[in-house]
């Protein structure tokens, strides 16, 4: 049974990891220490009311997206296969 659902599990792993990685509201509510903020919450602190440091924000966004890109590239074959199998009829 596991070899048949491996692509679906890989697709679920990528989607769940992206969902958790991009979570913003919960860390802002729970965490009060700026040194322990996750990267998505830390990027919001770079945006000011009157001025925004766009080069630093874009560099942080690139660093924040790299783990998800690597995870997708590592599981790309399984991810595409799992999405393709879930959309076909029987």
PDB file of N, CA and C in Angstrom:
ATOM      1  N   UNK A   1       0.807  -1.179   0.000  1.00  0.00           N
ATOM      2  CA  UNK A   1       0.000   0.000   0.000  1.00  0.00           C
ATOM      3  C   UNK A   1       0.864   1.263   0.000  1.00  0.00           C
ATOM      4  N   UNK A   2       1.975   1.242   0.732  1.00  0.00           N
ATOM      5  CA  UNK A   2       2.815   2.436   0.814  1.00  0.00           C
ATOM      6  C   UNK A   2       3.407   2.860  -0.527  1.00  0.00           C
ATOM      7  N   UNK A   3       3.861   1.943  -1.391  1.00  0.00           N
ATOM      8  CA  UNK A   3       4.376   2.413  -2.683  1.00  0.00           C
ATOM      9  C   UNK A   3       3.311   3.111  -3.529  1.00  0.00           C
ATOM     10  N   UNK A   4       2.056   2.769  -3.341  1.00  0.00           N
ATOM     11  CA  UNK A   4       0.999   3.409  -4.118  1.00  0.00           C
ATOM     12  C   UNK A   4       0.683   4.812  -3.620  1.00  0.00           C
ATOM     13  N   UNK A   5       0.839   5.050  -2.326  1.00  0.00           N
ATOM     14  CA  UNK A   5       0.488   6.369  -1.801  1.00  0.00           C
ATOM     15  C   UNK A   5       1.703   7.263  -1.578  1.00  0.00           C
ATOM     16  N   UNK A   6       2.891   6.800  -1.940  1.00  0.00           N
ATOM     17  CA  UNK A   6       4.097   7.606  -1.751  1.00  0.00           C
ATOM     18  C   UNK A   6       4.010   8.962  -2.460  1.00  0.00           C
ATOM     19  N   UNK A   7       3.551   9.052  -3.726  1.00  0.00           N
ATOM     20  CA  UNK A   7       3.444  10.375  -4.354  1.00  0.00           C
ATOM     21  C   UNK A   7       2.458  11.291  -3.638  1.00  0.00           C
ATOM     22  N   UNK A   8       1.353  10.731  -3.165  1.00  0.00           N
ATOM     23  CA  UNK A   8       0.384  11.555  -2.449  1.00  0.00           C
ATOM     24  C   UNK A   8       0.961  12.043  -1.120  1.00  0.00           C
ATOM     25  N   UNK A   9       1.711  11.206  -0.429  1.00  0.00           N
ATOM     26  CA  UNK A   9       2.347  11.618   0.824  1.00  0.00           C
ATOM     27  C   UNK A   9       3.414  12.679   0.584  1.00  0.00           C
ATOM     28  N   UNK A  10       4.150  12.570  -0.520  1.00  0.00           N
ATOM     29  CA  UNK A  10       5.162  13.580  -0.842  1.00  0.00           C
ATOM     30  C   UNK A  10       4.493  14.920  -1.149  1.00  0.00           C
ATOM     31  N   UNK A  11       3.400  14.898  -1.903  1.00  0.00           N
ATOM     32  CA  UNK A  11       2.676  16.136  -2.194  1.00  0.00           C
ATOM     33  C   UNK A  11       2.116  16.734  -0.906  1.00  0.00           C
ATOM     34  N   UNK A  12       1.577  15.902  -0.035  1.00  0.00           N
ATOM     35  CA  UNK A  12       1.065  16.372   1.246  1.00  0.00           C
ATOM     36  C   UNK A  12       2.180  16.957   2.100  1.00  0.00           C
ATOM     37  N   UNK A  13       3.355  16.347   2.080  1.00  0.00           N
ATOM     38  CA  UNK A  13       4.484  16.852   2.859  1.00  0.00           C
ATOM     39  C   UNK A  13       4.924  18.225   2.373  1.00  0.00           C
ATOM     40  N   UNK A  14       4.996  18.415   1.063  1.00  0.00           N
ATOM     41  CA  UNK A  14       5.401  19.711   0.516  1.00  0.00           C
ATOM     42  C   UNK A  14       4.368  20.774   0.845  1.00  0.00           C
ATOM     43  N   UNK A  15       3.101  20.479   0.663  1.00  0.00           N
ATOM     44  CA  UNK A  15       2.050  21.463   0.925  1.00  0.00           C
ATOM     45  C   UNK A  15       1.979  21.803   2.408  1.00  0.00           C
ATOM     46  N   UNK A  16       2.086  20.815   3.279  1.00  0.00           N
ATOM     47  CA  UNK A  16       2.043  21.053   4.715  1.00  0.00           C
ATOM     48  C   UNK A  16       3.261  21.844   5.182  1.00  0.00           C
ATOM     49  N   UNK A  17       4.428  21.534   4.645  1.00  0.00           N
ATOM     50  CA  UNK A  17       5.640  22.273   5.008  1.00  0.00           C
ATOM     51  C   UNK A  17       5.526  23.735   4.578  1.00  0.00           C
ATOM     52  N   UNK A  18       5.001  23.975   3.382  1.00  0.00           N
ATOM     53  CA  UNK A  18       4.821  25.353   2.932  1.00  0.00           C
ATOM     54  C   UNK A  18       3.825  26.091   3.801  1.00  0.00           C
ATOM     55  N   UNK A  19       2.754  25.434   4.184  1.00  0.00           N
ATOM     56  CA  UNK A  19       1.737  26.055   5.020  1.00  0.00           C
ATOM     57  C   UNK A  19       2.325  26.437   6.381  1.00  0.00           C
ATOM     58  N   UNK A  20       3.087  25.544   6.976  1.00  0.00           N
ATOM     59  CA  UNK A  20       3.687  25.822   8.272  1.00  0.00           C
ATOM     60  C   UNK A  20       4.802  26.864   8.161  1.00  0.00           C
ATOM     61  N   UNK A  21       5.575  26.806   7.095  1.00  0.00           N
ATOM     62  CA  UNK A  21       6.692  27.725   6.923  1.00  0.00           C
ATOM     63  C   UNK A  21       6.210  29.163   6.740  1.00  0.00           C
ATOM     64  N   UNK A  22       5.085  29.336   6.065  1.00  0.00           N
ATOM     65  CA  UNK A  22       4.582  30.667   5.766  1.00  0.00           C
ATOM     66  C   UNK A  22       3.620  31.202   6.828  1.00  0.00           C
ATOM     67  N   UNK A  23       3.477  30.505   7.934  1.00  0.00           N
ATOM     68  CA  UNK A  23       2.574  30.947   8.988  1.00  0.00           C
ATOM     69  C   UNK A  23       3.105  32.246   9.592  1.00  0.00           C
ATOM     70  N   UNK A  24       2.252  33.245   9.687  1.00  0.00           N
ATOM     71  CA  UNK A  24       2.668  34.546  10.173  1.00  0.00           C
ATOM     72  C   UNK A  24       1.940  34.954  11.440  1.00  0.00           C
ATOM     73  N   UNK A  25       0.647  34.754  11.488  1.00  0.00           N
ATOM     74  CA  UNK A  25      -0.153  35.308  12.579  1.00  0.00           C
ATOM     75  C   UNK A  25       0.133  34.645  13.922  1.00  0.00           C
ATOM     76  N   UNK A  26       0.197  33.317  13.964  1.00  0.00           N
ATOM     77  CA  UNK A  26       0.397  32.628  15.238  1.00  0.00           C
ATOM     78  C   UNK A  26       1.725  32.995  15.904  1.00  0.00           C
ATOM     79  N   UNK A  27       2.870  33.032  15.183  1.00  0.00           N
ATOM     80  CA  UNK A  27       4.108  33.460  15.851  1.00  0.00           C
ATOM     81  C   UNK A  27       4.062  34.901  16.345  1.00  0.00           C
ATOM     82  N   UNK A  28       3.335  35.776  15.657  1.00  0.00           N
ATOM     83  CA  UNK A  28       3.222  37.154  16.123  1.00  0.00           C
ATOM     84  C   UNK A  28       2.387  37.252  17.394  1.00  0.00           C
ATOM     85  N   UNK A  29       1.392  36.386  17.526  1.00  0.00           N
ATOM     86  CA  UNK A  29       0.530  36.411  18.714  1.00  0.00           C
ATOM     87  C   UNK A  29       1.256  35.804  19.914  1.00  0.00           C
ATOM     88  N   UNK A  30       1.930  34.694  19.720  1.00  0.00           N
ATOM     89  CA  UNK A  30       2.502  33.934  20.825  1.00  0.00           C
ATOM     90  C   UNK A  30       3.867  34.467  21.260  1.00  0.00           C
ATOM     91  N   UNK A  31       4.693  34.847  20.322  1.00  0.00           N
ATOM     92  CA  UNK A  31       6.077  35.201  20.610  1.00  0.00           C
ATOM     93  C   UNK A  31       6.207  36.683  20.915  1.00  0.00           C
ATOM     94  N   UNK A  32       6.947  37.020  21.972  1.00  0.00           N
ATOM     95  CA  UNK A  32       7.179  38.425  22.299  1.00  0.00           C
ATOM     96  C   UNK A  32       8.633  38.827  22.122  1.00  0.00           C
ATOM     97  N   UNK A  33       9.529  37.875  21.991  1.00  0.00           N
ATOM     98  CA  UNK A  33      10.950  38.163  21.851  1.00  0.00           C
ATOM     99  C   UNK A  33      11.316  38.286  20.368  1.00  0.00           C
ATOM    100  N   UNK A  34      11.768  39.450  19.913  1.00  0.00           N
ATOM    101  CA  UNK A  34      12.115  39.610  18.492  1.00  0.00           C
ATOM    102  C   UNK A  34      13.261  38.702  18.042  1.00  0.00           C
ATOM    103  N   UNK A  35      14.126  38.283  18.959  1.00  0.00           N
ATOM    104  CA  UNK A  35      15.239  37.413  18.584  1.00  0.00           C
ATOM    105  C   UNK A  35      14.779  35.996  18.276  1.00  0.00           C
ATOM    106  N   UNK A  36      13.590  35.624  18.725  1.00  0.00           N
ATOM    107  CA  UNK A  36      13.078  34.268  18.506  1.00  0.00           C
ATOM    108  C   UNK A  36      11.969  34.212  17.465  1.00  0.00           C
ATOM    109  N   UNK A  37      11.759  35.294  16.743  1.00  0.00           N
ATOM    110  CA  UNK A  37      10.727  35.323  15.707  1.00  0.00           C
ATOM    111  C   UNK A  37      11.136  34.457  14.526  1.00  0.00           C
ATOM    112  N   UNK A  38      10.190  33.752  13.915  1.00  0.00           N
ATOM    113  CA  UNK A  38      10.509  33.038  12.676  1.00  0.00           C
ATOM    114  C   UNK A  38      10.751  34.038  11.546  1.00  0.00           C
ATOM    115  N   UNK A  39      11.251  33.543  10.449  1.00  0.00           N
ATOM    116  CA  UNK A  39      11.692  34.450   9.385  1.00  0.00           C
ATOM    117  C   UNK A  39      10.528  35.213   8.747  1.00  0.00           C
ATOM    118  N   UNK A  40       9.363  34.603   8.662  1.00  0.00           N
ATOM    119  CA  UNK A  40       8.225  35.317   8.070  1.00  0.00           C
ATOM    120  C   UNK A  40       7.783  36.483   8.950  1.00  0.00           C
ATOM    121  N   UNK A  41       7.802  36.295  10.257  1.00  0.00           N
ATOM    122  CA  UNK A  41       7.454  37.390  11.167  1.00  0.00           C
ATOM    123  C   UNK A  41       8.575  38.426  11.210  1.00  0.00           C
ATOM    124  N   UNK A  42       9.822  37.981  11.073  1.00  0.00           N
ATOM    125  CA  UNK A  42      10.939  38.917  11.051  1.00  0.00           C
ATOM    126  C   UNK A  42      10.922  39.811   9.823  1.00  0.00           C
ATOM    127  N   UNK A  43      10.452  39.284   8.711  1.00  0.00           N
ATOM    128  CA  UNK A  43      10.363  40.103   7.491  1.00  0.00           C
ATOM    129  C   UNK A  43       9.348  41.226   7.640  1.00  0.00           C
ATOM    130  N   UNK A  44       8.296  40.990   8.398  1.00  0.00           N
ATOM    131  CA  UNK A  44       7.301  42.051   8.591  1.00  0.00           C
ATOM    132  C   UNK A  44       7.859  43.186   9.438  1.00  0.00           C
ATOM    133  N   UNK A  45       8.852  42.891  10.275  1.00  0.00           N
ATOM    134  CA  UNK A  45       9.445  43.953  11.093  1.00  0.00           C
ATOM    135  C   UNK A  45      10.340  44.871  10.262  1.00  0.00           C
ATOM    136  N   UNK A  46      10.732  44.444   9.067  1.00  0.00           N
ATOM    137  CA  UNK A  46      11.550  45.300   8.197  1.00  0.00           C
ATOM    138  C   UNK A  46      10.726  46.386   7.519  1.00  0.00           C
ATOM    139  N   UNK A  47       9.419  46.221   7.528  1.00  0.00           N
ATOM    140  CA  UNK A  47       8.548  47.206   6.892  1.00  0.00           C
ATOM    141  C   UNK A  47       8.172  48.270   7.917  1.00  0.00           C
ATOM    142  N   UNK A  48       8.542  49.506   7.642  1.00  0.00           N
ATOM    143  CA  UNK A  48       8.254  50.605   8.556  1.00  0.00           C
ATOM    144  C   UNK A  48       7.018  51.366   8.130  1.00  0.00           C
ATOM    145  N   UNK A  49       6.633  52.326   8.952  1.00  0.00           N
ATOM    146  CA  UNK A  49       5.453  53.121   8.649  1.00  0.00           C
ATOM    147  C   UNK A  49       5.727  54.129   7.535  1.00  0.00           C
ATOM    148  N   UNK A  50       6.889  54.746   7.571  1.00  0.00           N
ATOM    149  CA  UNK A  50       7.218  55.778   6.597  1.00  0.00           C
ATOM    150  C   UNK A  50       8.302  55.363   5.617  1.00  0.00           C
ATOM    151  N   UNK A  51       9.065  54.350   5.959  1.00  0.00           N
ATOM    152  CA  UNK A  51      10.191  53.951   5.126  1.00  0.00           C
ATOM    153  C   UNK A  51      10.346  52.438   5.192  1.00  0.00           C
ATOM    154  N   UNK A  52      10.686  51.842   4.053  1.00  0.00           N
ATOM    155  CA  UNK A  52      10.890  50.398   3.988  1.00  0.00           C
ATOM    156  C   UNK A  52      12.235  50.123   3.334  1.00  0.00           C
ATOM    157  N   UNK A  53      12.990  49.242   3.940  1.00  0.00           N
ATOM    158  CA  UNK A  53      14.289  48.857   3.397  1.00  0.00           C
ATOM    159  C   UNK A  53      14.067  47.695   2.420  1.00  0.00           C
ATOM    160  N   UNK A  54      13.781  48.027   1.167  1.00  0.00           N
ATOM    161  CA  UNK A  54      13.442  47.010   0.176  1.00  0.00           C
ATOM    162  C   UNK A  54      14.583  46.045  -0.142  1.00  0.00           C
ATOM    163  N   UNK A  55      15.832  46.488  -0.259  1.00  0.00           N
ATOM    164  CA  UNK A  55      16.899  45.507  -0.520  1.00  0.00           C
ATOM    165  C   UNK A  55      17.034  44.457   0.585  1.00  0.00           C
ATOM    166  N   UNK A  56      16.936  44.879   1.834  1.00  0.00           N
ATOM    167  CA  UNK A  56      17.023  43.921   2.944  1.00  0.00           C
ATOM    168  C   UNK A  56      15.804  42.996   2.953  1.00  0.00           C
ATOM    169  N   UNK A  57      14.638  43.546   2.620  1.00  0.00           N
ATOM    170  CA  UNK A  57      13.424  42.737   2.593  1.00  0.00           C
ATOM    171  C   UNK A  57      13.475  41.695   1.470  1.00  0.00           C
ATOM    172  N   UNK A  58      13.984  42.082   0.313  1.00  0.00           N
ATOM    173  CA  UNK A  58      14.089  41.132  -0.797  1.00  0.00           C
ATOM    174  C   UNK A  58      15.142  40.064  -0.517  1.00  0.00           C
ATOM    175  N   UNK A  59      16.244  40.446   0.122  1.00  0.00           N
ATOM    176  CA  UNK A  59      17.266  39.459   0.487  1.00  0.00           C
ATOM    177  C   UNK A  59      16.706  38.480   1.516  1.00  0.00           C
ATOM    178  N   UNK A  60      15.954  38.980   2.483  1.00  0.00           N
ATOM    179  CA  UNK A  60      15.319  38.110   3.475  1.00  0.00           C
ATOM    180  C   UNK A  60      14.275  37.209   2.855  1.00  0.00           C
ATOM    181  N   UNK A  61      13.543  37.720   1.894  1.00  0.00           N
ATOM    182  CA  UNK A  61      12.544  36.898   1.202  1.00  0.00           C
ATOM    183  C   UNK A  61      13.201  35.772   0.412  1.00  0.00           C
ATOM    184  N   UNK A  62      14.323  36.067  -0.210  1.00  0.00           N
ATOM    185  CA  UNK A  62      15.055  35.026  -0.935  1.00  0.00           C
ATOM    186  C   UNK A  62      15.557  33.948   0.020  1.00  0.00           C
ATOM    187  N   UNK A  63      16.120  34.364   1.146  1.00  0.00           N
ATOM    188  CA  UNK A  63      16.605  33.399   2.134  1.00  0.00           C
ATOM    189  C   UNK A  63      15.452  32.595   2.716  1.00  0.00           C
ATOM    190  N   UNK A  64      14.293  33.240   2.903  1.00  0.00           N
ATOM    191  CA  UNK A  64      13.134  32.542   3.459  1.00  0.00           C
ATOM    192  C   UNK A  64      12.563  31.523   2.483  1.00  0.00           C
ATOM    193  N   UNK A  65      12.671  31.783   1.191  1.00  0.00           N
ATOM    194  CA  UNK A  65      12.083  30.878   0.209  1.00  0.00           C
ATOM    195  C   UNK A  65      13.008  29.720  -0.181  1.00  0.00           C
ATOM    196  N   UNK A  66      14.288  29.828   0.098  1.00  0.00           N
ATOM    197  CA  UNK A  66      15.235  28.783  -0.310  1.00  0.00           C
ATOM    198  C   UNK A  66      14.927  27.393   0.265  1.00  0.00           C
ATOM    199  N   UNK A  67      14.600  27.234   1.550  1.00  0.00           N
ATOM    200  CA  UNK A  67      14.303  25.878   2.037  1.00  0.00           C
ATOM    201  C   UNK A  67      13.114  25.233   1.339  1.00  0.00           C
ATOM    202  N   UNK A  68      12.077  26.007   1.031  1.00  0.00           N
ATOM    203  CA  UNK A  68      10.913  25.440   0.346  1.00  0.00           C
ATOM    204  C   UNK A  68      11.249  25.088  -1.097  1.00  0.00           C
ATOM    205  N   UNK A  69      12.085  25.868  -1.751  1.00  0.00           N
ATOM    206  CA  UNK A  69      12.498  25.557  -3.120  1.00  0.00           C
ATOM    207  C   UNK A  69      13.323  24.274  -3.139  1.00  0.00           C
ATOM    208  N   UNK A  70      14.232  24.130  -2.185  1.00  0.00           N
ATOM    209  CA  UNK A  70      15.047  22.918  -2.106  1.00  0.00           C
ATOM    210  C   UNK A  70      14.170  21.704  -1.807  1.00  0.00           C
ATOM    211  N   UNK A  71      13.204  21.855  -0.887  1.00  0.00           N
ATOM    212  CA  UNK A  71      12.294  20.748  -0.577  1.00  0.00           C
ATOM    213  C   UNK A  71      11.482  20.351  -1.811  1.00  0.00           C
ATOM    214  N   UNK A  72      10.988  21.332  -2.557  1.00  0.00           N
ATOM    215  CA  UNK A  72      10.228  21.027  -3.758  1.00  0.00           C
ATOM    216  C   UNK A  72      11.106  20.339  -4.806  1.00  0.00           C
ATOM    217  N   UNK A  73      12.307  20.834  -5.008  1.00  0.00           N
ATOM    218  CA  UNK A  73      13.189  20.215  -5.996  1.00  0.00           C
ATOM    219  C   UNK A  73      13.553  18.790  -5.599  1.00  0.00           C
ATOM    220  N   UNK A  74      13.694  18.545  -4.307  1.00  0.00           N
ATOM    221  CA  UNK A  74      14.020  17.210  -3.823  1.00  0.00           C
ATOM    222  C   UNK A  74      12.848  16.248  -4.027  1.00  0.00           C
ATOM    223  N   UNK A  75      11.627  16.723  -3.843  1.00  0.00           N
ATOM    224  CA  UNK A  75      10.433  15.873  -3.944  1.00  0.00           C
ATOM    225  C   UNK A  75       9.604  16.157  -5.195  1.00  0.00           C
ATOM    226  N   UNK A  76      10.194  16.802  -6.192  1.00  0.00           N
ATOM    227  CA  UNK A  76       9.447  17.230  -7.381  1.00  0.00           C
ATOM    228  C   UNK A  76       8.786  16.071  -8.113  1.00  0.00           C
ATOM    229  N   UNK A  77       9.508  14.999  -8.322  1.00  0.00           N
ATOM    230  CA  UNK A  77       8.956  13.859  -9.066  1.00  0.00           C
ATOM    231  C   UNK A  77       7.739  13.288  -8.338  1.00  0.00           C
ATOM    232  N   UNK A  78       7.857  13.109  -7.032  1.00  0.00           N
ATOM    233  CA  UNK A  78       6.749  12.565  -6.252  1.00  0.00           C
ATOM    234  C   UNK A  78       5.598  13.562  -6.168  1.00  0.00           C
ATOM    235  N   UNK A  79       5.926  14.849  -6.050  1.00  0.00           N
ATOM    236  CA  UNK A  79       4.897  15.878  -5.943  1.00  0.00           C
ATOM    237  C   UNK A  79       4.049  15.936  -7.205  1.00  0.00           C
ATOM    238  N   UNK A  80       4.679  15.989  -8.356  1.00  0.00           N
ATOM    239  CA  UNK A  80       3.949  16.055  -9.624  1.00  0.00           C
ATOM    240  C   UNK A  80       3.138  14.779  -9.847  1.00  0.00           C
ATOM    241  N   UNK A  81       3.715  13.641  -9.530  1.00  0.00           N
ATOM    242  CA  UNK A  81       3.014  12.356  -9.683  1.00  0.00           C
ATOM    243  C   UNK A  81       1.801  12.291  -8.753  1.00  0.00           C
ATOM    244  N   UNK A  82       1.941  12.791  -7.525  1.00  0.00           N
ATOM    245  CA  UNK A  82       0.824  12.770  -6.584  1.00  0.00           C
ATOM    246  C   UNK A  82      -0.297  13.685  -6.989  1.00  0.00           C
ATOM    247  N   UNK A  83       0.033  14.869  -7.510  1.00  0.00           N
ATOM    248  CA  UNK A  83      -0.990  15.785  -7.990  1.00  0.00           C
ATOM    249  C   UNK A  83      -1.676  15.206  -9.221  1.00  0.00           C
ATOM    250  N   UNK A  84      -0.926  14.587 -10.113  1.00  0.00           N
ATOM    251  CA  UNK A  84      -1.497  13.999 -11.332  1.00  0.00           C
ATOM    252  C   UNK A  84      -2.426  12.824 -11.001  1.00  0.00           C
ATOM    253  N   UNK A  85      -2.057  12.006 -10.035  1.00  0.00           N
ATOM    254  CA  UNK A  85      -2.900  10.857  -9.676  1.00  0.00           C
ATOM    255  C   UNK A  85      -4.172  11.287  -8.972  1.00  0.00           C
ATOM    256  N   UNK A  86      -4.139  12.360  -8.225  1.00  0.00           N
ATOM    257  CA  UNK A  86      -5.330  12.760  -7.491  1.00  0.00           C
ATOM    258  C   UNK A  86      -6.376  13.400  -8.396  1.00  0.00           C
ATOM    259  N   UNK A  87      -5.989  13.842  -9.578  1.00  0.00           N
ATOM    260  CA  UNK A  87      -6.926  14.503 -10.466  1.00  0.00           C
ATOM    261  C   UNK A  87      -7.505  13.610 -11.552  1.00  0.00           C
ATOM    262  N   UNK A  88      -7.112  12.332 -11.595  1.00  0.00           N
ATOM    263  CA  UNK A  88      -7.595  11.454 -12.648  1.00  0.00           C
ATOM    264  C   UNK A  88      -8.693  10.558 -12.136  1.00  0.00           C
ATOM    265  N   UNK A  89      -9.587  10.179 -13.048  1.00  0.00           N
ATOM    266  CA  UNK A  89     -10.647   9.244 -12.697  1.00  0.00           C
ATOM    267  C   UNK A  89     -10.168   7.844 -12.942  1.00  0.00           C
ATOM    268  N   UNK A  90     -10.643   6.961 -12.140  1.00  0.00           N
ATOM    269  CA  UNK A  90     -10.332   5.688 -12.120  1.00  0.00           C
ATOM    270  C   UNK A  90     -10.032   4.521 -12.707  1.00  0.00           C
TER     271      UNK A  90
END
